[in-house]
Amino acid sequence: LLARWWPADLHIIGKDITRFHTVIWPAMLMSAGVALPRQVFGHGWVHLKGEKMSKSLGTTVEPLEVINLFGADPLRLYLCKEITFGGDGDFSWERYEDRYNVDLANNLGNLVSRMAAMAEKYRGGRLAPSGQAGRLNGVAGQAADDYRQAMDGFALERGTAAAFQIVDAAN
């Protein structure tokens, strides 16, 4: 099992334990003859309304509760789009609902609904390439390049924005 998953290409850890995972953990791995992770990345904190989350103060958001209410993908979108990966970020239900309504329901949801309705109405529910590269093809190619570059640099927020370039252009 270890050979299947190790060495890790990217070891993501909380920023408060970077010293352990960049000094002590590698020393332990080397002494055991185990390969080191190729990269280590310390992520930031997610705050709630500008304050550090705290169980004792009751200022937490339970991810599984959010997922049970709305699904995992809206939460992933919010975290990727709203919080610069590696930095601290802020969770608020208002911003979460904005992302859900604006990005998923309005932009993506309405686009999919319009495309499905138009495909049914004008093409009998079947789509095929037109043989001509239009403006959307160029946007999609550039967005794919931007996405790849952003994700290779761990800039998830830029990668998400690149994906939504296609949605915006199609709308």
N, C-alpha and C. Protein backbone atom coordinates (compact mmCIF):
# COMPACT_ATOMS: atom_id res chain seq x y z
N LEU A 1 0.82 -1.19 0.00
CA LEU A 1 0.00 0.00 0.00
C LEU A 1 0.87 1.26 0.00
N LEU A 2 1.94 1.25 0.77
CA LEU A 2 2.82 2.41 0.82
C LEU A 2 3.38 2.73 -0.56
N ALA A 3 3.78 1.73 -1.30
CA ALA A 3 4.36 1.95 -2.63
C ALA A 3 3.35 2.60 -3.57
N ARG A 4 2.07 2.34 -3.35
CA ARG A 4 1.05 2.92 -4.22
C ARG A 4 0.88 4.42 -3.98
N TRP A 5 0.99 4.88 -2.75
CA TRP A 5 0.70 6.27 -2.41
C TRP A 5 1.92 7.09 -2.01
N TRP A 6 3.05 6.48 -1.92
CA TRP A 6 4.23 7.21 -1.42
C TRP A 6 5.40 6.97 -2.33
N PRO A 7 6.25 7.94 -2.60
CA PRO A 7 6.28 9.26 -1.96
C PRO A 7 5.20 10.18 -2.52
N ALA A 8 4.74 11.05 -1.66
CA ALA A 8 3.69 12.00 -2.04
C ALA A 8 4.27 13.05 -2.97
N ASP A 9 3.53 13.38 -4.02
CA ASP A 9 3.94 14.49 -4.88
C ASP A 9 3.81 15.80 -4.12
N LEU A 10 2.73 15.90 -3.33
CA LEU A 10 2.46 17.11 -2.57
C LEU A 10 1.92 16.71 -1.21
N HIS A 11 2.58 17.17 -0.18
CA HIS A 11 2.19 16.91 1.20
C HIS A 11 1.57 18.20 1.73
N ILE A 12 0.25 18.22 1.92
CA ILE A 12 -0.45 19.43 2.36
C ILE A 12 -0.69 19.34 3.85
N ILE A 13 -0.25 20.37 4.56
CA ILE A 13 -0.35 20.35 6.02
C ILE A 13 -0.77 21.74 6.52
N GLY A 14 -1.23 21.81 7.74
CA GLY A 14 -1.58 23.08 8.35
C GLY A 14 -0.33 23.91 8.62
N LYS A 15 -0.47 25.23 8.46
CA LYS A 15 0.71 26.09 8.58
C LYS A 15 1.34 26.07 9.97
N ASP A 16 0.58 25.66 10.98
CA ASP A 16 1.14 25.62 12.33
C ASP A 16 2.07 24.44 12.56
N ILE A 17 2.09 23.48 11.63
CA ILE A 17 2.95 22.32 11.81
C ILE A 17 3.97 22.19 10.68
N THR A 18 4.26 23.29 10.01
CA THR A 18 5.23 23.23 8.90
C THR A 18 6.62 22.85 9.41
N ARG A 19 7.02 23.34 10.56
CA ARG A 19 8.36 23.02 11.08
C ARG A 19 8.51 21.52 11.28
N PHE A 20 7.50 20.90 11.89
CA PHE A 20 7.56 19.46 12.10
C PHE A 20 7.67 18.72 10.76
N HIS A 21 6.84 19.13 9.80
CA HIS A 21 6.77 18.39 8.53
C HIS A 21 7.88 18.74 7.54
N THR A 22 8.66 19.77 7.83
CA THR A 22 9.78 20.10 6.94
C THR A 22 11.13 19.84 7.58
N VAL A 23 11.14 19.54 8.89
CA VAL A 23 12.41 19.26 9.56
C VAL A 23 12.38 17.88 10.23
N ILE A 24 11.48 17.70 11.16
CA ILE A 24 11.47 16.47 11.96
C ILE A 24 10.96 15.27 11.16
N TRP A 25 9.83 15.42 10.50
CA TRP A 25 9.26 14.32 9.71
C TRP A 25 10.22 13.84 8.63
N PRO A 26 10.85 14.73 7.84
CA PRO A 26 11.82 14.25 6.85
C PRO A 26 12.99 13.50 7.50
N ALA A 27 13.44 13.96 8.66
CA ALA A 27 14.54 13.25 9.35
C ALA A 27 14.10 11.85 9.76
N MET A 28 12.86 11.73 10.22
CA MET A 28 12.33 10.42 10.60
C MET A 28 12.22 9.51 9.36
N LEU A 29 11.74 10.06 8.26
CA LEU A 29 11.62 9.28 7.03
C LEU A 29 12.99 8.82 6.53
N MET A 30 13.95 9.73 6.53
CA MET A 30 15.30 9.38 6.06
C MET A 30 15.91 8.29 6.93
N SER A 31 15.70 8.39 8.25
CA SER A 31 16.28 7.38 9.14
C SER A 31 15.63 6.01 8.92
N ALA A 32 14.39 6.00 8.43
CA ALA A 32 13.69 4.75 8.15
C ALA A 32 13.92 4.28 6.71
N GLY A 33 14.67 5.08 5.93
CA GLY A 33 14.93 4.71 4.54
C GLY A 33 13.74 4.91 3.62
N VAL A 34 12.82 5.79 4.02
CA VAL A 34 11.61 6.06 3.23
C VAL A 34 11.81 7.37 2.47
N ALA A 35 11.37 7.40 1.22
CA ALA A 35 11.53 8.59 0.38
C ALA A 35 10.76 9.77 0.97
N LEU A 36 11.28 10.96 0.74
CA LEU A 36 10.64 12.19 1.23
C LEU A 36 9.53 12.63 0.29
N PRO A 37 8.56 13.37 0.80
CA PRO A 37 7.56 13.96 -0.09
C PRO A 37 8.29 14.91 -1.06
N ARG A 38 7.77 15.01 -2.26
CA ARG A 38 8.43 15.87 -3.26
C ARG A 38 8.26 17.35 -2.93
N GLN A 39 7.10 17.71 -2.37
CA GLN A 39 6.83 19.09 -1.98
C GLN A 39 6.00 19.09 -0.71
N VAL A 40 6.17 20.14 0.09
CA VAL A 40 5.35 20.32 1.29
C VAL A 40 4.72 21.70 1.18
N PHE A 41 3.42 21.77 1.43
CA PHE A 41 2.69 23.03 1.32
C PHE A 41 1.88 23.25 2.59
N GLY A 42 2.11 24.36 3.27
CA GLY A 42 1.37 24.70 4.48
C GLY A 42 0.20 25.60 4.15
N HIS A 43 -1.02 25.13 4.40
CA HIS A 43 -2.21 25.92 4.08
C HIS A 43 -2.58 26.84 5.23
N GLY A 44 -3.36 27.84 4.92
CA GLY A 44 -3.80 28.81 5.92
C GLY A 44 -5.05 28.36 6.67
N TRP A 45 -5.59 29.29 7.45
CA TRP A 45 -6.77 29.02 8.26
C TRP A 45 -8.01 29.52 7.54
N VAL A 46 -9.14 28.93 7.89
CA VAL A 46 -10.43 29.45 7.47
C VAL A 46 -11.06 30.07 8.71
N HIS A 47 -11.34 31.35 8.63
CA HIS A 47 -11.98 32.06 9.73
C HIS A 47 -13.48 32.15 9.50
N LEU A 48 -14.22 32.50 10.52
CA LEU A 48 -15.66 32.70 10.41
C LEU A 48 -15.96 34.15 10.75
N LYS A 49 -16.43 34.88 9.74
CA LYS A 49 -16.75 36.30 9.91
C LYS A 49 -15.58 37.06 10.50
N GLY A 50 -14.39 36.78 10.03
CA GLY A 50 -13.20 37.51 10.42
C GLY A 50 -12.54 37.04 11.70
N GLU A 51 -13.12 36.06 12.37
CA GLU A 51 -12.56 35.57 13.63
C GLU A 51 -12.11 34.13 13.49
N LYS A 52 -11.03 33.79 14.20
CA LYS A 52 -10.55 32.40 14.20
C LYS A 52 -11.66 31.49 14.74
N MET A 53 -11.87 30.39 14.05
CA MET A 53 -12.90 29.45 14.50
C MET A 53 -12.50 28.83 15.83
N SER A 54 -13.49 28.68 16.70
CA SER A 54 -13.23 28.16 18.04
C SER A 54 -14.43 27.35 18.50
N LYS A 55 -14.21 26.11 18.88
CA LYS A 55 -15.29 25.29 19.40
C LYS A 55 -15.82 25.87 20.71
N SER A 56 -14.91 26.34 21.56
CA SER A 56 -15.33 26.85 22.87
C SER A 56 -16.18 28.11 22.74
N LEU A 57 -15.93 28.92 21.70
CA LEU A 57 -16.73 30.13 21.49
C LEU A 57 -17.96 29.86 20.63
N GLY A 58 -18.03 28.67 20.08
CA GLY A 58 -19.17 28.34 19.23
C GLY A 58 -19.09 28.97 17.84
N THR A 59 -17.90 29.35 17.44
CA THR A 59 -17.71 29.98 16.13
C THR A 59 -17.06 28.99 15.17
N THR A 60 -17.82 27.96 14.83
CA THR A 60 -17.32 26.97 13.88
C THR A 60 -18.38 26.71 12.81
N VAL A 61 -17.92 26.19 11.71
CA VAL A 61 -18.80 25.69 10.66
C VAL A 61 -18.41 24.24 10.46
N GLU A 62 -19.36 23.35 10.61
CA GLU A 62 -19.10 21.92 10.46
C GLU A 62 -19.22 21.56 8.98
N PRO A 63 -18.09 21.20 8.33
CA PRO A 63 -18.14 20.91 6.89
C PRO A 63 -19.15 19.84 6.50
N LEU A 64 -19.30 18.81 7.32
CA LEU A 64 -20.26 17.75 6.97
C LEU A 64 -21.70 18.25 7.01
N GLU A 65 -21.99 19.22 7.88
CA GLU A 65 -23.33 19.81 7.90
C GLU A 65 -23.58 20.61 6.63
N VAL A 66 -22.57 21.36 6.19
CA VAL A 66 -22.69 22.13 4.95
C VAL A 66 -22.89 21.17 3.77
N ILE A 67 -22.12 20.10 3.76
CA ILE A 67 -22.23 19.11 2.67
C ILE A 67 -23.60 18.44 2.69
N ASN A 68 -24.12 18.13 3.87
CA ASN A 68 -25.44 17.50 3.96
C ASN A 68 -26.54 18.44 3.47
N LEU A 69 -26.37 19.74 3.67
CA LEU A 69 -27.37 20.71 3.24
C LEU A 69 -27.30 20.99 1.74
N PHE A 70 -26.09 21.17 1.21
CA PHE A 70 -25.93 21.68 -0.15
C PHE A 70 -25.13 20.77 -1.07
N GLY A 71 -24.47 19.75 -0.54
CA GLY A 71 -23.58 18.91 -1.33
C GLY A 71 -22.14 19.37 -1.21
N ALA A 72 -21.23 18.51 -1.63
CA ALA A 72 -19.80 18.79 -1.49
C ALA A 72 -19.30 19.80 -2.51
N ASP A 73 -19.82 19.74 -3.74
CA ASP A 73 -19.28 20.61 -4.78
C ASP A 73 -19.47 22.11 -4.52
N PRO A 74 -20.61 22.55 -4.02
CA PRO A 74 -20.71 23.99 -3.70
C PRO A 74 -19.71 24.43 -2.63
N LEU A 75 -19.45 23.57 -1.66
CA LEU A 75 -18.45 23.91 -0.63
C LEU A 75 -17.06 23.96 -1.25
N ARG A 76 -16.74 23.00 -2.09
CA ARG A 76 -15.44 23.02 -2.78
C ARG A 76 -15.28 24.29 -3.60
N LEU A 77 -16.34 24.64 -4.34
CA LEU A 77 -16.28 25.86 -5.16
C LEU A 77 -16.04 27.08 -4.28
N TYR A 78 -16.78 27.19 -3.20
CA TYR A 78 -16.61 28.34 -2.32
C TYR A 78 -15.17 28.43 -1.80
N LEU A 79 -14.67 27.33 -1.28
CA LEU A 79 -13.33 27.34 -0.71
C LEU A 79 -12.26 27.65 -1.75
N CYS A 80 -12.43 27.10 -2.96
CA CYS A 80 -11.44 27.35 -4.02
C CYS A 80 -11.54 28.76 -4.57
N LYS A 81 -12.74 29.27 -4.70
CA LYS A 81 -12.92 30.58 -5.33
C LYS A 81 -12.72 31.75 -4.37
N GLU A 82 -13.09 31.55 -3.13
CA GLU A 82 -13.09 32.65 -2.17
C GLU A 82 -11.82 32.77 -1.33
N ILE A 83 -11.04 31.69 -1.24
CA ILE A 83 -9.89 31.71 -0.35
C ILE A 83 -8.63 31.40 -1.14
N THR A 84 -7.69 32.31 -1.11
CA THR A 84 -6.42 32.09 -1.79
C THR A 84 -5.72 30.92 -1.12
N PHE A 85 -5.42 29.89 -1.90
CA PHE A 85 -4.83 28.68 -1.34
C PHE A 85 -3.48 29.02 -0.72
N GLY A 86 -3.32 28.64 0.52
CA GLY A 86 -2.09 28.92 1.25
C GLY A 86 -2.26 30.07 2.22
N GLY A 87 -3.21 30.94 1.94
CA GLY A 87 -3.46 32.08 2.82
C GLY A 87 -4.64 31.83 3.73
N ASP A 88 -4.82 32.72 4.67
CA ASP A 88 -5.99 32.65 5.52
C ASP A 88 -7.19 33.15 4.72
N GLY A 89 -8.36 32.64 5.06
CA GLY A 89 -9.57 33.06 4.38
C GLY A 89 -10.72 33.16 5.34
N ASP A 90 -11.82 33.70 4.85
CA ASP A 90 -12.97 33.92 5.71
C ASP A 90 -14.19 33.21 5.14
N PHE A 91 -14.88 32.46 5.99
CA PHE A 91 -16.13 31.84 5.61
C PHE A 91 -17.26 32.69 6.15
N SER A 92 -18.22 32.97 5.30
CA SER A 92 -19.46 33.59 5.78
C SER A 92 -20.60 32.95 5.00
N TRP A 93 -21.71 32.74 5.68
CA TRP A 93 -22.86 32.14 5.03
C TRP A 93 -23.37 33.03 3.90
N GLU A 94 -23.24 34.35 4.06
CA GLU A 94 -23.70 35.27 3.02
C GLU A 94 -22.89 35.08 1.74
N ARG A 95 -21.57 35.02 1.85
CA ARG A 95 -20.72 34.81 0.67
C ARG A 95 -20.94 33.42 0.10
N TYR A 96 -21.15 32.44 0.97
CA TYR A 96 -21.40 31.08 0.51
C TYR A 96 -22.68 31.06 -0.34
N GLU A 97 -23.73 31.68 0.16
CA GLU A 97 -24.99 31.72 -0.59
C GLU A 97 -24.84 32.50 -1.90
N ASP A 98 -24.03 33.57 -1.88
CA ASP A 98 -23.76 34.30 -3.13
C ASP A 98 -23.11 33.40 -4.17
N ARG A 99 -22.07 32.68 -3.75
CA ARG A 99 -21.38 31.78 -4.69
C ARG A 99 -22.34 30.72 -5.20
N TYR A 100 -23.13 30.18 -4.29
CA TYR A 100 -24.08 29.13 -4.67
C TYR A 100 -25.09 29.67 -5.68
N ASN A 101 -25.68 30.81 -5.37
CA ASN A 101 -26.72 31.37 -6.24
C ASN A 101 -26.15 31.94 -7.53
N VAL A 102 -25.12 32.76 -7.44
CA VAL A 102 -24.59 33.43 -8.63
C VAL A 102 -23.84 32.45 -9.53
N ASP A 103 -22.87 31.74 -8.98
CA ASP A 103 -22.02 30.89 -9.81
C ASP A 103 -22.70 29.59 -10.23
N LEU A 104 -23.31 28.90 -9.29
CA LEU A 104 -23.87 27.59 -9.60
C LEU A 104 -25.29 27.67 -10.17
N ALA A 105 -26.19 28.33 -9.45
CA ALA A 105 -27.58 28.36 -9.90
C ALA A 105 -27.75 29.25 -11.13
N ASN A 106 -27.32 30.49 -11.04
CA ASN A 106 -27.56 31.42 -12.14
C ASN A 106 -26.65 31.17 -13.33
N ASN A 107 -25.35 31.26 -13.15
CA ASN A 107 -24.44 31.15 -14.29
C ASN A 107 -24.38 29.74 -14.87
N LEU A 108 -23.96 28.77 -14.08
CA LEU A 108 -23.80 27.42 -14.59
C LEU A 108 -25.15 26.72 -14.78
N GLY A 109 -26.01 26.79 -13.79
CA GLY A 109 -27.30 26.11 -13.86
C GLY A 109 -28.16 26.59 -15.01
N ASN A 110 -28.28 27.92 -15.16
CA ASN A 110 -29.08 28.45 -16.25
C ASN A 110 -28.46 28.13 -17.61
N LEU A 111 -27.14 28.15 -17.70
CA LEU A 111 -26.47 27.79 -18.95
C LEU A 111 -26.80 26.35 -19.34
N VAL A 112 -26.67 25.43 -18.40
CA VAL A 112 -26.96 24.02 -18.69
C VAL A 112 -28.42 23.86 -19.08
N SER A 113 -29.31 24.54 -18.37
CA SER A 113 -30.74 24.46 -18.68
C SER A 113 -31.04 24.99 -20.09
N ARG A 114 -30.47 26.15 -20.43
CA ARG A 114 -30.68 26.73 -21.77
C ARG A 114 -30.11 25.82 -22.85
N MET A 115 -28.91 25.29 -22.61
CA MET A 115 -28.29 24.41 -23.61
C MET A 115 -29.13 23.15 -23.82
N ALA A 116 -29.61 22.57 -22.75
CA ALA A 116 -30.43 21.36 -22.87
C ALA A 116 -31.72 21.66 -23.61
N ALA A 117 -32.37 22.77 -23.27
CA ALA A 117 -33.63 23.14 -23.93
C ALA A 117 -33.40 23.42 -25.42
N MET A 118 -32.34 24.16 -25.73
CA MET A 118 -32.05 24.47 -27.14
C MET A 118 -31.64 23.22 -27.91
N ALA A 119 -30.88 22.35 -27.28
CA ALA A 119 -30.49 21.10 -27.95
C ALA A 119 -31.72 20.28 -28.29
N GLU A 120 -32.65 20.22 -27.36
CA GLU A 120 -33.88 19.46 -27.60
C GLU A 120 -34.73 20.13 -28.68
N LYS A 121 -34.89 21.43 -28.58
CA LYS A 121 -35.76 22.16 -29.50
C LYS A 121 -35.22 22.19 -30.93
N TYR A 122 -33.91 22.48 -31.07
CA TYR A 122 -33.35 22.70 -32.40
C TYR A 122 -32.58 21.51 -32.98
N ARG A 123 -32.18 20.58 -32.12
CA ARG A 123 -31.32 19.48 -32.60
C ARG A 123 -31.86 18.11 -32.22
N GLY A 124 -33.09 18.04 -31.76
CA GLY A 124 -33.66 16.75 -31.38
C GLY A 124 -32.95 16.11 -30.21
N GLY A 125 -32.33 16.92 -29.38
CA GLY A 125 -31.62 16.41 -28.21
C GLY A 125 -30.24 15.87 -28.50
N ARG A 126 -29.78 16.04 -29.73
CA ARG A 126 -28.46 15.49 -30.10
C ARG A 126 -27.55 16.64 -30.54
N LEU A 127 -26.37 16.67 -30.00
CA LEU A 127 -25.40 17.68 -30.36
C LEU A 127 -24.23 17.05 -31.09
N ALA A 128 -23.71 17.77 -32.04
CA ALA A 128 -22.54 17.30 -32.79
C ALA A 128 -21.67 18.51 -33.10
N PRO A 129 -20.36 18.32 -33.23
CA PRO A 129 -19.48 19.44 -33.58
C PRO A 129 -19.90 20.04 -34.93
N SER A 130 -19.80 21.35 -35.02
CA SER A 130 -20.21 22.03 -36.25
C SER A 130 -19.13 21.95 -37.32
N GLY A 131 -17.93 21.62 -36.94
CA GLY A 131 -16.83 21.61 -37.90
C GLY A 131 -16.14 22.95 -38.02
N GLN A 132 -16.71 23.95 -37.36
CA GLN A 132 -16.11 25.29 -37.38
C GLN A 132 -15.74 25.69 -35.96
N ALA A 133 -14.54 26.22 -35.83
CA ALA A 133 -14.11 26.69 -34.51
C ALA A 133 -14.63 28.11 -34.33
N GLY A 134 -15.46 28.31 -33.32
CA GLY A 134 -16.00 29.63 -33.03
C GLY A 134 -15.24 30.31 -31.91
N ARG A 135 -15.79 31.43 -31.45
CA ARG A 135 -15.16 32.22 -30.38
C ARG A 135 -15.04 31.40 -29.10
N LEU A 136 -16.04 30.58 -28.80
CA LEU A 136 -16.01 29.79 -27.56
C LEU A 136 -14.85 28.80 -27.56
N ASN A 137 -14.49 28.29 -28.71
CA ASN A 137 -13.36 27.37 -28.82
C ASN A 137 -12.06 28.06 -28.38
N GLY A 138 -11.88 29.29 -28.82
CA GLY A 138 -10.69 30.06 -28.42
C GLY A 138 -10.67 30.36 -26.93
N VAL A 139 -11.83 30.73 -26.41
CA VAL A 139 -11.95 31.01 -24.97
C VAL A 139 -11.64 29.75 -24.17
N ALA A 140 -12.19 28.62 -24.61
CA ALA A 140 -11.98 27.35 -23.90
C ALA A 140 -10.51 26.95 -23.93
N GLY A 141 -9.85 27.13 -25.07
CA GLY A 141 -8.42 26.80 -25.16
C GLY A 141 -7.59 27.65 -24.23
N GLN A 142 -7.87 28.96 -24.20
CA GLN A 142 -7.13 29.86 -23.31
C GLN A 142 -7.44 29.54 -21.85
N ALA A 143 -8.71 29.25 -21.56
CA ALA A 143 -9.11 28.92 -20.18
C ALA A 143 -8.41 27.64 -19.72
N ALA A 144 -8.30 26.67 -20.60
CA ALA A 144 -7.61 25.41 -20.24
C ALA A 144 -6.14 25.68 -19.94
N ASP A 145 -5.50 26.53 -20.74
CA ASP A 145 -4.10 26.89 -20.48
C ASP A 145 -3.97 27.62 -19.15
N ASP A 146 -4.86 28.60 -18.92
CA ASP A 146 -4.84 29.36 -17.66
C ASP A 146 -5.08 28.44 -16.47
N TYR A 147 -6.02 27.52 -16.63
CA TYR A 147 -6.34 26.57 -15.56
C TYR A 147 -5.12 25.72 -15.21
N ARG A 148 -4.50 25.16 -16.22
CA ARG A 148 -3.34 24.29 -16.02
C ARG A 148 -2.21 25.05 -15.31
N GLN A 149 -1.93 26.26 -15.77
CA GLN A 149 -0.87 27.06 -15.18
C GLN A 149 -1.20 27.39 -13.72
N ALA A 150 -2.44 27.77 -13.46
CA ALA A 150 -2.84 28.12 -12.09
C ALA A 150 -2.75 26.91 -11.17
N MET A 151 -3.24 25.78 -11.61
CA MET A 151 -3.25 24.59 -10.76
C MET A 151 -1.83 24.08 -10.51
N ASP A 152 -0.97 24.19 -11.52
CA ASP A 152 0.43 23.80 -11.32
C ASP A 152 1.10 24.68 -10.27
N GLY A 153 0.63 25.90 -10.13
CA GLY A 153 1.17 26.83 -9.13
C GLY A 153 0.37 26.85 -7.84
N PHE A 154 -0.54 25.90 -7.66
CA PHE A 154 -1.39 25.79 -6.46
C PHE A 154 -2.26 27.03 -6.27
N ALA A 155 -2.60 27.72 -7.34
CA ALA A 155 -3.47 28.90 -7.28
C ALA A 155 -4.89 28.45 -7.62
N LEU A 156 -5.52 27.75 -6.68
CA LEU A 156 -6.84 27.18 -6.92
C LEU A 156 -7.87 28.23 -7.28
N GLU A 157 -7.77 29.42 -6.67
CA GLU A 157 -8.73 30.48 -6.96
C GLU A 157 -8.61 30.95 -8.41
N ARG A 158 -7.39 31.00 -8.94
CA ARG A 158 -7.20 31.37 -10.36
C ARG A 158 -7.64 30.24 -11.28
N GLY A 159 -7.42 29.00 -10.87
CA GLY A 159 -7.89 27.86 -11.65
C GLY A 159 -9.40 27.83 -11.76
N THR A 160 -10.06 28.12 -10.65
CA THR A 160 -11.53 28.17 -10.64
C THR A 160 -12.02 29.30 -11.54
N ALA A 161 -11.37 30.46 -11.45
CA ALA A 161 -11.75 31.59 -12.30
C ALA A 161 -11.57 31.24 -13.78
N ALA A 162 -10.52 30.50 -14.09
CA ALA A 162 -10.28 30.10 -15.48
C ALA A 162 -11.40 29.19 -15.98
N ALA A 163 -11.85 28.26 -15.14
CA ALA A 163 -12.94 27.37 -15.54
C ALA A 163 -14.21 28.17 -15.79
N PHE A 164 -14.45 29.18 -14.97
CA PHE A 164 -15.66 29.99 -15.14
C PHE A 164 -15.56 30.96 -16.31
N GLN A 165 -14.37 31.13 -16.89
CA GLN A 165 -14.26 31.92 -18.13
C GLN A 165 -15.10 31.25 -19.24
N ILE A 166 -15.10 29.95 -19.25
CA ILE A 166 -15.87 29.21 -20.26
C ILE A 166 -17.37 29.41 -20.01
N VAL A 167 -17.79 29.30 -18.76
CA VAL A 167 -19.19 29.49 -18.42
C VAL A 167 -19.63 30.91 -18.80
N ASP A 168 -18.83 31.91 -18.45
CA ASP A 168 -19.17 33.29 -18.78
C ASP A 168 -19.25 33.51 -20.28
N ALA A 169 -18.30 32.97 -21.03
CA ALA A 169 -18.30 33.14 -22.48
C ALA A 169 -19.51 32.43 -23.11
N ALA A 170 -19.84 31.25 -22.60
CA ALA A 170 -20.98 30.51 -23.16
C ALA A 170 -22.29 31.22 -22.86
N ASN A 171 -22.35 31.88 -21.72
CA ASN A 171 -23.58 32.66 -21.39
C ASN A 171 -23.68 33.86 -22.30
